[in-house]
Amino acid sequence: MKTLTVRFKVNGQEFNGELPTDMTLLHCLRELLGAVEVKNGCEKGDCGSCTVLLDGLPVNSCLVLAVQAHGREITTVKAMGSAEGLHPLQKNFIDHGAIQCGFCTPGMLLSAKSLLDKHPNPSREEVKEQLSGNLCRCTGYTQIVDAVLACASESSEA
């Protein structure tokens, strides 16, 4: 098995190590680094449950090789907030009933964060477009879109 030495940051923490060249970022994060907040859904790039931010852009970690993250910054939902200090998106997801089973939530939150970081006042259609790569089987999406728009509205009022 061929390996390469890689270096990247996950939620601000440096990782240096030898990784198999065929290991996905999803499996590296979950199995080697214990980042179980990155969900393993379809492993085909269809569901978005494994979404992480790679240099601020949402990617399906099941479709990215871990060695492709060399020299880059990876953000998982764990970096967004904590129980004591929720990120505004997390608070709005709770307030709007946008969380049901929670399996899609990490990917949804990171996709929404990426959108709001670039475009703080998106339209409903822009939110839907951004979240189109993330599947939810519980909420019907209305509450999720409403939560993202409420967060955008709060930040524009501040």
Protein backbone atom coordinates (compact mmCIF):
# COMPACT_ATOMS: atom_id res chain seq x y z
CA MET A 1 0.00 0.00 0.00
CA LYS A 2 1.41 3.36 -1.04
CA THR A 3 1.49 6.14 1.56
CA LEU A 4 2.33 9.84 1.56
CA THR A 5 3.29 12.21 4.34
CA VAL A 6 0.62 14.86 4.76
CA ARG A 7 0.11 17.89 6.93
CA PHE A 8 -3.17 19.73 7.41
CA LYS A 9 -5.22 21.40 10.11
CA VAL A 10 -8.53 20.13 11.43
CA ASN A 11 -10.44 22.73 13.45
CA GLY A 12 -7.16 24.55 14.03
CA GLN A 13 -5.26 21.46 15.21
CA GLU A 14 -2.24 20.40 13.16
CA PHE A 15 -2.11 16.84 11.80
CA ASN A 16 1.11 15.37 10.42
CA GLY A 17 1.33 11.76 9.35
CA GLU A 18 1.62 9.04 6.79
CA LEU A 19 -1.65 8.23 5.07
CA PRO A 20 -2.57 5.64 2.47
CA THR A 21 -3.01 7.36 -0.90
CA ASP A 22 -6.43 5.75 -1.36
CA MET A 23 -7.88 6.81 2.03
CA THR A 24 -10.76 9.27 1.82
CA LEU A 25 -10.85 12.35 3.95
CA LEU A 26 -14.05 10.98 5.52
CA HIS A 27 -12.31 7.84 6.78
CA CYS A 28 -9.23 9.75 7.87
CA LEU A 29 -11.32 12.19 9.92
CA ARG A 30 -13.57 9.57 11.51
CA GLU A 31 -11.25 6.60 11.97
CA LEU A 32 -7.85 8.18 12.53
CA LEU A 33 -8.75 11.51 14.09
CA GLY A 34 -11.96 10.60 15.91
CA ALA A 35 -14.06 13.28 14.22
CA VAL A 36 -17.30 11.31 14.43
CA GLU A 37 -19.29 14.51 13.92
CA VAL A 38 -18.49 13.96 10.22
CA LYS A 39 -21.23 11.51 9.30
CA ASN A 40 -20.76 8.53 6.99
CA GLY A 41 -23.83 8.27 4.82
CA CYS A 42 -23.72 7.09 1.23
CA GLU A 43 -19.96 7.24 0.45
CA LYS A 44 -20.93 8.31 -3.10
CA GLY A 45 -21.29 12.09 -2.72
CA ASP A 46 -25.07 11.97 -2.93
CA CYS A 47 -26.25 12.77 0.62
CA GLY A 48 -23.94 15.51 1.95
CA SER A 49 -23.86 14.09 5.48
CA CYS A 50 -20.05 13.99 5.34
CA THR A 51 -19.73 17.66 4.37
CA VAL A 52 -16.75 19.53 5.81
CA LEU A 53 -15.26 22.87 4.88
CA LEU A 54 -11.97 22.62 3.00
CA ASP A 55 -10.38 26.06 3.03
CA GLY A 56 -13.85 27.45 3.73
CA LEU A 57 -15.65 25.65 0.90
CA PRO A 58 -18.06 22.77 1.45
CA VAL A 59 -16.90 19.41 0.11
CA ASN A 60 -18.15 15.86 0.44
CA SER A 61 -15.32 14.31 2.42
CA CYS A 62 -16.21 10.89 0.99
CA LEU A 63 -15.11 12.13 -2.45
CA VAL A 64 -11.86 13.82 -1.38
CA LEU A 65 -8.71 11.82 -0.80
CA ALA A 66 -7.08 12.65 2.51
CA VAL A 67 -3.77 13.36 0.73
CA GLN A 68 -5.55 16.09 -1.25
CA ALA A 69 -5.99 18.00 2.01
CA HIS A 70 -2.22 18.44 2.36
CA GLY A 71 -1.43 22.01 3.42
CA ARG A 72 -5.08 22.92 3.81
CA GLU A 73 -7.55 23.81 6.58
CA ILE A 74 -10.45 21.48 7.35
CA THR A 75 -13.40 22.62 9.44
CA THR A 76 -15.96 20.24 10.91
CA VAL A 77 -19.17 21.23 12.65
CA LYS A 78 -17.39 20.76 15.98
CA ALA A 79 -15.58 24.07 15.38
CA MET A 80 -18.83 26.04 14.98
CA GLY A 81 -19.86 26.19 18.61
CA SER A 82 -20.51 24.30 21.81
CA ALA A 83 -23.42 23.63 24.12
CA GLU A 84 -22.33 26.66 26.15
CA GLY A 85 -21.86 28.93 23.14
CA LEU A 86 -23.91 27.97 20.12
CA HIS A 87 -23.14 29.43 16.72
CA PRO A 88 -26.11 31.56 15.51
CA LEU A 89 -26.88 28.96 12.84
CA GLN A 90 -27.04 26.21 15.46
CA LYS A 91 -29.36 28.32 17.62
CA ASN A 92 -31.62 29.06 14.66
CA PHE A 93 -31.74 25.40 13.65
CA ILE A 94 -32.98 24.60 17.16
CA ASP A 95 -35.41 27.54 17.30
CA HIS A 96 -36.95 26.71 13.90
CA GLY A 97 -37.26 22.94 14.40
CA ALA A 98 -34.71 22.32 11.65
CA ILE A 99 -33.22 19.35 13.50
CA GLN A 100 -35.09 16.08 13.61
CA CYS A 101 -32.92 12.95 13.68
CA GLY A 102 -29.77 15.10 13.35
CA PHE A 103 -27.90 12.93 10.84
CA CYS A 104 -27.86 15.59 8.10
CA THR A 105 -27.42 18.50 10.50
CA PRO A 106 -23.60 18.80 10.51
CA GLY A 107 -23.48 18.94 6.71
CA MET A 108 -26.41 21.33 6.53
CA LEU A 109 -24.84 23.67 9.09
CA LEU A 110 -21.47 23.74 7.33
CA SER A 111 -23.02 24.30 3.90
CA ALA A 112 -25.12 27.13 5.33
CA LYS A 113 -22.11 28.63 7.12
CA SER A 114 -20.12 28.65 3.90
CA LEU A 115 -22.95 30.49 2.14
CA LEU A 116 -23.43 33.08 4.88
CA ASP A 117 -19.67 33.66 5.15
CA LYS A 118 -19.58 34.61 1.46
CA HIS A 119 -23.06 36.06 1.05
CA PRO A 120 -24.53 37.26 4.36
CA ASN A 121 -27.97 38.15 2.95
CA PRO A 122 -28.98 35.36 0.56
CA SER A 123 -32.38 34.90 -1.02
CA ARG A 124 -34.53 31.85 -0.29
CA GLU A 125 -33.54 30.44 -3.70
CA GLU A 126 -29.83 30.94 -2.97
CA VAL A 127 -30.18 29.06 0.32
CA LYS A 128 -32.01 26.22 -1.43
CA GLU A 129 -29.30 26.08 -4.09
CA GLN A 130 -26.52 25.99 -1.50
CA LEU A 131 -28.21 23.21 0.46
CA SER A 132 -29.17 21.17 -2.61
CA GLY A 133 -26.28 18.75 -2.05
CA ASN A 134 -27.47 17.89 1.45
CA LEU A 135 -30.32 15.42 1.85
CA CYS A 136 -32.72 15.42 4.79
CA ARG A 137 -35.34 12.74 5.22
CA CYS A 138 -37.07 14.24 8.25
CA THR A 139 -37.77 17.97 8.04
CA GLY A 140 -38.97 18.65 4.53
CA TYR A 141 -36.36 21.44 4.23
CA THR A 142 -38.69 24.36 4.97
CA GLN A 143 -37.52 24.67 8.58
CA ILE A 144 -33.86 24.40 7.52
CA VAL A 145 -34.18 27.17 4.92
CA ASP A 146 -36.14 29.30 7.41
CA ALA A 147 -33.39 28.83 10.01
CA VAL A 148 -30.66 29.93 7.58
CA LEU A 149 -32.67 32.97 6.49
CA ALA A 150 -33.39 33.91 10.12
CA CYS A 151 -29.68 33.76 10.87
CA ALA A 152 -28.95 35.97 7.85
CA SER A 153 -31.63 38.42 8.97
CA GLU A 154 -30.20 38.59 12.51
CA SER A 155 -26.68 39.25 11.25
CA SER A 156 -27.86 42.00 8.89
CA GLU A 157 -29.70 43.70 11.77
CA ALA A 158 -26.60 43.69 13.99
